[in-house]
Amino acid sequence: MDVKQAVVTRRNVKAFKPDPIGRELLNEWLEAASYAPNHRMAEPWEILVVGPETRAKLNHKDDFGGAPVVLAVLSTPAMTPFDRDEHVMAVSCFVQNFMLLAHEAGAATRWTSFGASPRNREIMGVPEGCDVVGVFGVGYPADVPAVKERTPIASKLRELP
């Protein structure tokens, strides 16, 4: 699969097969994802591997689609609001890399904002000043959603003088 095909065919999957994702493979994707662009090599991502006890406490409405792995990806604290924005942007690049790597290997992800609530932050022990960029189900897809139509990019372009 080439990069364009990976980008165009990756989907946010809602349901997963119970087949496990090996920890070595998961770590390989995370390691490669860490080559995401990040200002001043801040590497502002932190990954929480959500275990069964924490997952049960989170009580997600459909248990992250039955994904065998659940990860929370945090953006670490920053000194200024500008640096905070840069951290969140870098972590988003890290997440995109991770999702594409999983997809290229035949796995899938489900990106949720579930971890942003004060209750869920507390359950996961998210430190003050960290942003929860997402909580992700990771596994092999039981079903892959159809492509949704996109707005033509020409309508999003604006030429500057």
C-alpha atoms as a PDB file:
ATOM      1  CA  MET A   1       0.000   0.000   0.000  1.00  0.00           C
ATOM      2  CA  ASP A   2       1.466   3.369  -0.936  1.00  0.00           C
ATOM      3  CA  VAL A   3       1.066   6.483   1.221  1.00  0.00           C
ATOM      4  CA  LYS A   4      -1.723   8.011  -0.869  1.00  0.00           C
ATOM      5  CA  GLN A   5      -3.721   4.789  -0.766  1.00  0.00           C
ATOM      6  CA  ALA A   6      -3.229   4.568   3.017  1.00  0.00           C
ATOM      7  CA  VAL A   7      -4.437   8.138   3.508  1.00  0.00           C
ATOM      8  CA  VAL A   8      -7.457   7.769   1.229  1.00  0.00           C
ATOM      9  CA  THR A   9      -8.602   4.350   2.501  1.00  0.00           C
ATOM     10  CA  ARG A  10      -8.056   4.752   6.275  1.00  0.00           C
ATOM     11  CA  ARG A  11     -11.309   4.907   8.237  1.00  0.00           C
ATOM     12  CA  ASN A  12     -12.421   5.490  11.807  1.00  0.00           C
ATOM     13  CA  VAL A  13     -13.691   1.978  12.611  1.00  0.00           C
ATOM     14  CA  LYS A  14     -16.584   1.431  15.018  1.00  0.00           C
ATOM     15  CA  ALA A  15     -16.345  -2.356  15.562  1.00  0.00           C
ATOM     16  CA  PHE A  16     -13.364  -4.657  15.961  1.00  0.00           C
ATOM     17  CA  LYS A  17     -12.670  -8.376  15.837  1.00  0.00           C
ATOM     18  CA  PRO A  18     -11.436  -9.868  19.127  1.00  0.00           C
ATOM     19  CA  ASP A  19      -8.106 -10.879  17.531  1.00  0.00           C
ATOM     20  CA  PRO A  20      -5.243  -9.482  19.626  1.00  0.00           C
ATOM     21  CA  ILE A  21      -2.721  -6.915  18.476  1.00  0.00           C
ATOM     22  CA  GLY A  22       0.738  -8.023  19.587  1.00  0.00           C
ATOM     23  CA  ARG A  23       2.489  -5.627  21.942  1.00  0.00           C
ATOM     24  CA  GLU A  24       5.651  -5.774  19.815  1.00  0.00           C
ATOM     25  CA  LEU A  25       3.701  -4.699  16.720  1.00  0.00           C
ATOM     26  CA  LEU A  26       1.896  -1.956  18.651  1.00  0.00           C
ATOM     27  CA  ASN A  27       5.226  -0.651  19.951  1.00  0.00           C
ATOM     28  CA  GLU A  28       6.651  -0.743  16.419  1.00  0.00           C
ATOM     29  CA  TRP A  29       3.829   1.497  15.167  1.00  0.00           C
ATOM     30  CA  LEU A  30       4.230   3.866  18.126  1.00  0.00           C
ATOM     31  CA  GLU A  31       8.005   4.065  17.620  1.00  0.00           C
ATOM     32  CA  ALA A  32       7.630   4.873  13.921  1.00  0.00           C
ATOM     33  CA  ALA A  33       4.856   7.393  14.686  1.00  0.00           C
ATOM     34  CA  SER A  34       7.296   9.266  16.930  1.00  0.00           C
ATOM     35  CA  TYR A  35       9.026  10.579  13.813  1.00  0.00           C
ATOM     36  CA  ALA A  36       6.171  13.070  13.480  1.00  0.00           C
ATOM     37  CA  PRO A  37       7.127  16.702  13.061  1.00  0.00           C
ATOM     38  CA  ASN A  38       7.387  18.483  16.394  1.00  0.00           C
ATOM     39  CA  HIS A  39       8.686  21.934  17.229  1.00  0.00           C
ATOM     40  CA  ARG A  40      12.125  21.989  18.891  1.00  0.00           C
ATOM     41  CA  MET A  41      12.029  18.184  19.162  1.00  0.00           C
ATOM     42  CA  ALA A  42       9.669  18.528  22.126  1.00  0.00           C
ATOM     43  CA  GLU A  43       8.197  15.074  21.436  1.00  0.00           C
ATOM     44  CA  PRO A  44       5.139  16.130  23.453  1.00  0.00           C
ATOM     45  CA  TRP A  45       3.223  12.845  23.242  1.00  0.00           C
ATOM     46  CA  GLU A  46       2.561  10.493  26.095  1.00  0.00           C
ATOM     47  CA  ILE A  47       0.705   7.226  25.562  1.00  0.00           C
ATOM     48  CA  LEU A  48      -1.413   5.533  28.212  1.00  0.00           C
ATOM     49  CA  VAL A  49      -2.174   1.857  27.621  1.00  0.00           C
ATOM     50  CA  VAL A  50      -5.637   1.469  29.111  1.00  0.00           C
ATOM     51  CA  GLY A  51      -5.884  -1.813  30.994  1.00  0.00           C
ATOM     52  CA  PRO A  52      -9.055  -3.808  31.737  1.00  0.00           C
ATOM     53  CA  GLU A  53      -9.700  -2.246  35.149  1.00  0.00           C
ATOM     54  CA  THR A  54      -9.399   1.324  33.882  1.00  0.00           C
ATOM     55  CA  ARG A  55     -11.380   0.467  30.758  1.00  0.00           C
ATOM     56  CA  ALA A  56     -14.235  -0.887  32.908  1.00  0.00           C
ATOM     57  CA  LYS A  57     -14.229   2.296  35.009  1.00  0.00           C
ATOM     58  CA  LEU A  58     -14.350   4.441  31.872  1.00  0.00           C
ATOM     59  CA  ASN A  59     -17.521   2.576  30.884  1.00  0.00           C
ATOM     60  CA  HIS A  60     -17.536   3.714  27.233  1.00  0.00           C
ATOM     61  CA  LYS A  61     -21.027   3.336  25.701  1.00  0.00           C
ATOM     62  CA  ASP A  62     -19.930   0.532  23.341  1.00  0.00           C
ATOM     63  CA  ASP A  63     -16.627  -0.405  24.956  1.00  0.00           C
ATOM     64  CA  PHE A  64     -14.586   1.165  22.147  1.00  0.00           C
ATOM     65  CA  GLY A  65     -16.166  -1.183  19.610  1.00  0.00           C
ATOM     66  CA  GLY A  66     -14.673  -4.195  21.356  1.00  0.00           C
ATOM     67  CA  ALA A  67     -11.140  -3.176  20.358  1.00  0.00           C
ATOM     68  CA  PRO A  68      -8.530  -5.445  21.929  1.00  0.00           C
ATOM     69  CA  VAL A  69      -6.317  -2.425  22.713  1.00  0.00           C
ATOM     70  CA  VAL A  70      -7.286   0.988  24.049  1.00  0.00           C
ATOM     71  CA  LEU A  71      -4.764   3.819  24.141  1.00  0.00           C
ATOM     72  CA  ALA A  72      -5.068   7.378  25.401  1.00  0.00           C
ATOM     73  CA  VAL A  73      -2.714   9.835  23.736  1.00  0.00           C
ATOM     74  CA  LEU A  74      -1.804  12.925  25.702  1.00  0.00           C
ATOM     75  CA  SER A  75      -0.132  16.185  24.820  1.00  0.00           C
ATOM     76  CA  THR A  76       2.275  17.198  27.570  1.00  0.00           C
ATOM     77  CA  PRO A  77       2.123  20.577  29.360  1.00  0.00           C
ATOM     78  CA  ALA A  78       3.707  23.627  27.765  1.00  0.00           C
ATOM     79  CA  MET A  79       5.085  26.920  29.073  1.00  0.00           C
ATOM     80  CA  THR A  80       2.954  29.215  26.884  1.00  0.00           C
ATOM     81  CA  PRO A  81      -0.373  29.030  25.047  1.00  0.00           C
ATOM     82  CA  PHE A  82       1.544  29.117  21.753  1.00  0.00           C
ATOM     83  CA  ASP A  83       3.686  26.156  22.821  1.00  0.00           C
ATOM     84  CA  ARG A  84       0.552  24.322  23.977  1.00  0.00           C
ATOM     85  CA  ASP A  85      -0.938  24.726  20.504  1.00  0.00           C
ATOM     86  CA  GLU A  86       2.292  23.464  18.936  1.00  0.00           C
ATOM     87  CA  HIS A  87       2.285  20.450  21.249  1.00  0.00           C
ATOM     88  CA  VAL A  88      -1.293  19.532  20.346  1.00  0.00           C
ATOM     89  CA  MET A  89      -0.502  19.916  16.636  1.00  0.00           C
ATOM     90  CA  ALA A  90       2.577  17.700  16.941  1.00  0.00           C
ATOM     91  CA  VAL A  91       0.635  15.050  18.859  1.00  0.00           C
ATOM     92  CA  SER A  92      -2.025  15.135  16.151  1.00  0.00           C
ATOM     93  CA  CYS A  93       0.711  14.414  13.588  1.00  0.00           C
ATOM     94  CA  PHE A  94       1.935  11.558  15.799  1.00  0.00           C
ATOM     95  CA  VAL A  95      -1.614  10.177  15.946  1.00  0.00           C
ATOM     96  CA  GLN A  96      -2.047  10.393  12.169  1.00  0.00           C
ATOM     97  CA  ASN A  97       1.233   8.538  11.666  1.00  0.00           C
ATOM     98  CA  PHE A  98       0.117   5.863  14.122  1.00  0.00           C
ATOM     99  CA  MET A  99      -3.277   5.433  12.454  1.00  0.00           C
ATOM    100  CA  LEU A 100      -1.717   5.131   8.991  1.00  0.00           C
ATOM    101  CA  LEU A 101       0.824   2.578  10.214  1.00  0.00           C
ATOM    102  CA  ALA A 102      -1.912   0.476  11.805  1.00  0.00           C
ATOM    103  CA  HIS A 103      -4.011   0.721   8.636  1.00  0.00           C
ATOM    104  CA  GLU A 104      -1.088  -0.265   6.414  1.00  0.00           C
ATOM    105  CA  ALA A 105      -0.702  -3.414   8.548  1.00  0.00           C
ATOM    106  CA  GLY A 106      -4.377  -4.352   8.155  1.00  0.00           C
ATOM    107  CA  ALA A 107      -5.458  -3.050  11.562  1.00  0.00           C
ATOM    108  CA  ALA A 108      -7.672  -0.076  12.302  1.00  0.00           C
ATOM    109  CA  THR A 109      -8.296   2.631  14.865  1.00  0.00           C
ATOM    110  CA  ARG A 110     -11.201   4.472  16.390  1.00  0.00           C
ATOM    111  CA  TRP A 111     -10.400   8.026  17.481  1.00  0.00           C
ATOM    112  CA  THR A 112     -12.689   9.329  20.241  1.00  0.00           C
ATOM    113  CA  SER A 113     -12.643  12.498  22.338  1.00  0.00           C
ATOM    114  CA  PHE A 114     -13.887  10.404  25.254  1.00  0.00           C
ATOM    115  CA  GLY A 115     -10.911  11.200  27.486  1.00  0.00           C
ATOM    116  CA  ALA A 116     -11.424  14.946  27.628  1.00  0.00           C
ATOM    117  CA  SER A 117     -14.087  14.974  30.350  1.00  0.00           C
ATOM    118  CA  PRO A 118     -12.941  15.733  33.913  1.00  0.00           C
ATOM    119  CA  ARG A 119     -14.314  12.348  35.071  1.00  0.00           C
ATOM    120  CA  ASN A 120     -12.398  10.357  32.476  1.00  0.00           C
ATOM    121  CA  ARG A 121      -9.223  12.405  32.970  1.00  0.00           C
ATOM    122  CA  GLU A 122      -9.388  11.540  36.656  1.00  0.00           C
ATOM    123  CA  ILE A 123      -9.986   7.824  35.994  1.00  0.00           C
ATOM    124  CA  MET A 124      -6.947   7.722  33.702  1.00  0.00           C
ATOM    125  CA  GLY A 125      -4.795   9.803  36.045  1.00  0.00           C
ATOM    126  CA  VAL A 126      -4.116  12.483  33.439  1.00  0.00           C
ATOM    127  CA  PRO A 127      -1.787  15.090  34.966  1.00  0.00           C
ATOM    128  CA  GLU A 128      -2.843  18.733  35.212  1.00  0.00           C
ATOM    129  CA  GLY A 129      -1.775  20.672  32.122  1.00  0.00           C
ATOM    130  CA  CYS A 130      -1.911  17.670  29.784  1.00  0.00           C
ATOM    131  CA  ASP A 131      -4.415  17.597  26.944  1.00  0.00           C
ATOM    132  CA  VAL A 132      -6.093  14.323  26.026  1.00  0.00           C
ATOM    133  CA  VAL A 133      -5.853  14.398  22.233  1.00  0.00           C
ATOM    134  CA  GLY A 134      -7.833  11.177  21.960  1.00  0.00           C
ATOM    135  CA  VAL A 135      -8.690   7.763  23.281  1.00  0.00           C
ATOM    136  CA  PHE A 136      -8.210   5.117  20.609  1.00  0.00           C
ATOM    137  CA  GLY A 137      -9.568   1.665  20.075  1.00  0.00           C
ATOM    138  CA  VAL A 138      -6.994  -0.358  18.126  1.00  0.00           C
ATOM    139  CA  GLY A 139      -7.585  -3.715  16.510  1.00  0.00           C
ATOM    140  CA  TYR A 140      -8.558  -5.560  13.375  1.00  0.00           C
ATOM    141  CA  PRO A 141     -11.762  -4.183  11.852  1.00  0.00           C
ATOM    142  CA  ALA A 142     -14.968  -6.204  11.961  1.00  0.00           C
ATOM    143  CA  ASP A 143     -16.450  -3.799   9.420  1.00  0.00           C
ATOM    144  CA  VAL A 144     -14.930  -0.922   7.459  1.00  0.00           C
ATOM    145  CA  PRO A 145     -17.216   2.071   6.904  1.00  0.00           C
ATOM    146  CA  ALA A 146     -17.812   3.317   3.388  1.00  0.00           C
ATOM    147  CA  VAL A 147     -16.025   6.395   2.108  1.00  0.00           C
ATOM    148  CA  LYS A 148     -17.851   9.619   2.922  1.00  0.00           C
ATOM    149  CA  GLU A 149     -17.915  12.272   0.251  1.00  0.00           C
ATOM    150  CA  ARG A 150     -15.419  15.076   0.796  1.00  0.00           C
ATOM    151  CA  THR A 151     -15.726  18.735  -0.070  1.00  0.00           C
ATOM    152  CA  PRO A 152     -13.711  19.461  -3.223  1.00  0.00           C
ATOM    153  CA  ILE A 153     -10.378  20.898  -2.138  1.00  0.00           C
ATOM    154  CA  ALA A 154     -10.723  23.731  -4.660  1.00  0.00           C
ATOM    155  CA  SER A 155     -13.435  25.227  -2.435  1.00  0.00           C
ATOM    156  CA  LYS A 156     -10.971  25.243   0.476  1.00  0.00           C
ATOM    157  CA  LEU A 157      -8.159  27.037  -1.367  1.00  0.00           C
ATOM    158  CA  ARG A 158      -7.605  30.764  -1.088  1.00  0.00           C
ATOM    159  CA  GLU A 159      -4.892  32.541  -3.046  1.00  0.00           C
ATOM    160  CA  LEU A 160      -2.990  35.287  -1.248  1.00  0.00           C
ATOM    161  CA  PRO A 161      -1.427  38.214  -3.105  1.00  0.00           C
END
